[in-house]
Structure formats: C-alpha cells, structure tokens
Amino acid sequence: MTATFTSVALPARLMQAQAQAVADELSHLLAACVSEGGHAVLDASALLHFDSSALAVILACRRAVLAQGAKLQVTGLPQRAQALAEVYGLRALLH
C-alpha cells in the first residue's frame, strides 16, 4: 500500500461545546484518508479561542491516525495551547 499524506486544520474556535463534534469529524476524516505508513498533519494555527478540550481533540485525532499505522504531526499550535499541553504532561505526544 502506498503511503499517503493528509492535512486538516482545526477551527478558530474550539471550546468544550464543539469538541466532541470536531473530534468525531476530524478523527473520521483522518482515519479514512491516511494509510498504513502514511503521514497526517493537523494544522492548529487557526486556533484563536479554545480551552483545554482542544487538546482532547488533538489526542483523538492522534489515536485515529495511529490506529491506521500512520503518524500525526501537529503544526502551528499556539503558545497558550503548548503551555496547557505542558501542564497536562502531553507535550511529547503532540510532536
């Protein structure tokens, strides 16, 4: 099977109220598009208004991609989100 490259972006607003729907949508999209040995990019640069549930969305996407035997790279993660990831001990999982 040929490796694929998939890229999706997080929305500008990602709060707890939207988190489950966004996680479901992006996880499904990534899992369907990426193949064994593929590479996915989750672009977080648009995130402006978010809470810690944004990290849960990123981790859900990561699980979906890993389940397909692919890798996920998170790009453009705002500094505040990086700080939250550090507090929760998740920073290493987001790179």
Protein backbone atom coordinates (compact mmCIF):
# COMPACT_ATOMS: atom_id res chain seq x y z
CA MET A 1 0.00 0.00 0.00
CA THR A 2 1.33 3.43 -0.88
CA ALA A 3 1.82 5.90 1.96
CA THR A 4 -0.47 8.88 1.90
CA PHE A 5 -0.22 12.42 3.17
CA THR A 6 -3.28 14.02 4.73
CA SER A 7 -3.64 17.51 6.17
CA VAL A 8 -6.56 19.01 8.07
CA ALA A 9 -6.98 22.19 10.08
CA LEU A 10 -8.55 22.84 13.44
CA PRO A 11 -11.20 25.56 13.55
CA ALA A 12 -10.55 29.03 15.00
CA ARG A 13 -12.96 28.36 17.88
CA LEU A 14 -12.69 25.08 19.74
CA MET A 15 -14.34 25.02 23.13
CA GLN A 16 -15.86 22.16 25.10
CA ALA A 17 -19.24 22.65 23.41
CA GLN A 18 -17.74 21.91 19.96
CA ALA A 19 -15.02 19.48 20.99
CA GLN A 20 -16.81 16.16 20.56
CA ALA A 21 -18.25 17.03 17.15
CA VAL A 22 -14.89 18.34 15.90
CA ALA A 23 -13.04 15.31 17.30
CA ASP A 24 -15.50 12.91 15.66
CA GLU A 25 -15.36 14.69 12.30
CA LEU A 26 -11.59 15.14 12.10
CA SER A 27 -10.75 11.71 13.52
CA HIS A 28 -13.03 10.04 10.99
CA LEU A 29 -11.64 12.13 8.13
CA LEU A 30 -8.03 11.44 9.07
CA ALA A 31 -8.60 7.72 9.63
CA ALA A 32 -10.34 7.40 6.27
CA CYS A 33 -7.70 9.32 4.35
CA VAL A 34 -4.40 8.17 5.79
CA SER A 35 -2.96 4.74 5.01
CA GLU A 36 -0.50 2.40 6.69
CA GLY A 37 2.83 4.19 6.84
CA GLY A 38 1.21 7.46 5.88
CA HIS A 39 1.65 10.86 7.40
CA ALA A 40 -1.01 13.26 8.63
CA VAL A 41 -0.69 16.89 9.60
CA LEU A 42 -3.08 18.62 11.94
CA ASP A 43 -2.76 22.37 11.47
CA ALA A 44 -3.61 24.19 14.69
CA SER A 45 -2.53 27.65 13.54
CA ALA A 46 -6.12 28.90 13.19
CA LEU A 47 -6.90 28.27 16.87
CA LEU A 48 -7.80 31.58 18.48
CA HIS A 49 -10.49 30.79 21.04
CA PHE A 50 -10.02 27.45 22.77
CA ASP A 51 -9.92 25.69 26.09
CA SER A 52 -8.22 22.51 27.22
CA SER A 53 -10.72 20.41 25.28
CA ALA A 54 -8.75 21.39 22.16
CA LEU A 55 -6.01 19.10 23.47
CA ALA A 56 -8.54 16.27 23.75
CA VAL A 57 -9.47 16.82 20.09
CA ILE A 58 -5.81 16.67 19.06
CA LEU A 59 -5.31 13.47 21.04
CA ALA A 60 -8.41 11.91 19.47
CA CYS A 61 -7.01 12.71 16.04
CA ARG A 62 -3.67 11.24 17.06
CA ARG A 63 -5.32 7.99 18.19
CA ALA A 64 -7.27 7.73 14.93
CA VAL A 65 -4.13 8.19 12.84
CA LEU A 66 -2.02 5.82 14.94
CA ALA A 67 -4.75 3.17 14.65
CA GLN A 68 -4.21 3.29 10.88
CA GLY A 69 -0.46 2.74 11.29
CA ALA A 70 0.32 6.32 10.33
CA LYS A 71 1.93 9.28 12.07
CA LEU A 72 0.42 12.60 13.09
CA GLN A 73 2.31 15.88 13.16
CA VAL A 74 0.71 18.88 14.86
CA THR A 75 1.76 22.22 13.40
CA GLY A 76 1.03 25.80 14.36
CA LEU A 77 -0.02 25.03 17.93
CA PRO A 78 -0.46 28.38 19.69
CA GLN A 79 1.83 29.11 22.62
CA ARG A 80 -1.06 29.00 25.10
CA ALA A 81 -2.04 25.54 23.88
CA GLN A 82 1.57 24.40 24.17
CA ALA A 83 1.61 25.67 27.75
CA LEU A 84 -1.59 23.73 28.51
CA ALA A 85 -0.07 20.61 27.00
CA GLU A 86 2.98 21.07 29.22
CA VAL A 87 0.81 21.40 32.34
CA TYR A 88 -1.08 18.22 31.48
CA GLY A 89 2.10 16.32 30.57
CA LEU A 90 1.03 15.91 26.96
CA ARG A 91 3.62 17.96 25.12
CA ALA A 92 5.65 14.95 23.93
CA LEU A 93 2.52 13.39 22.41
CA LEU A 94 1.87 16.46 20.28
CA HIS A 95 5.14 16.36 18.36
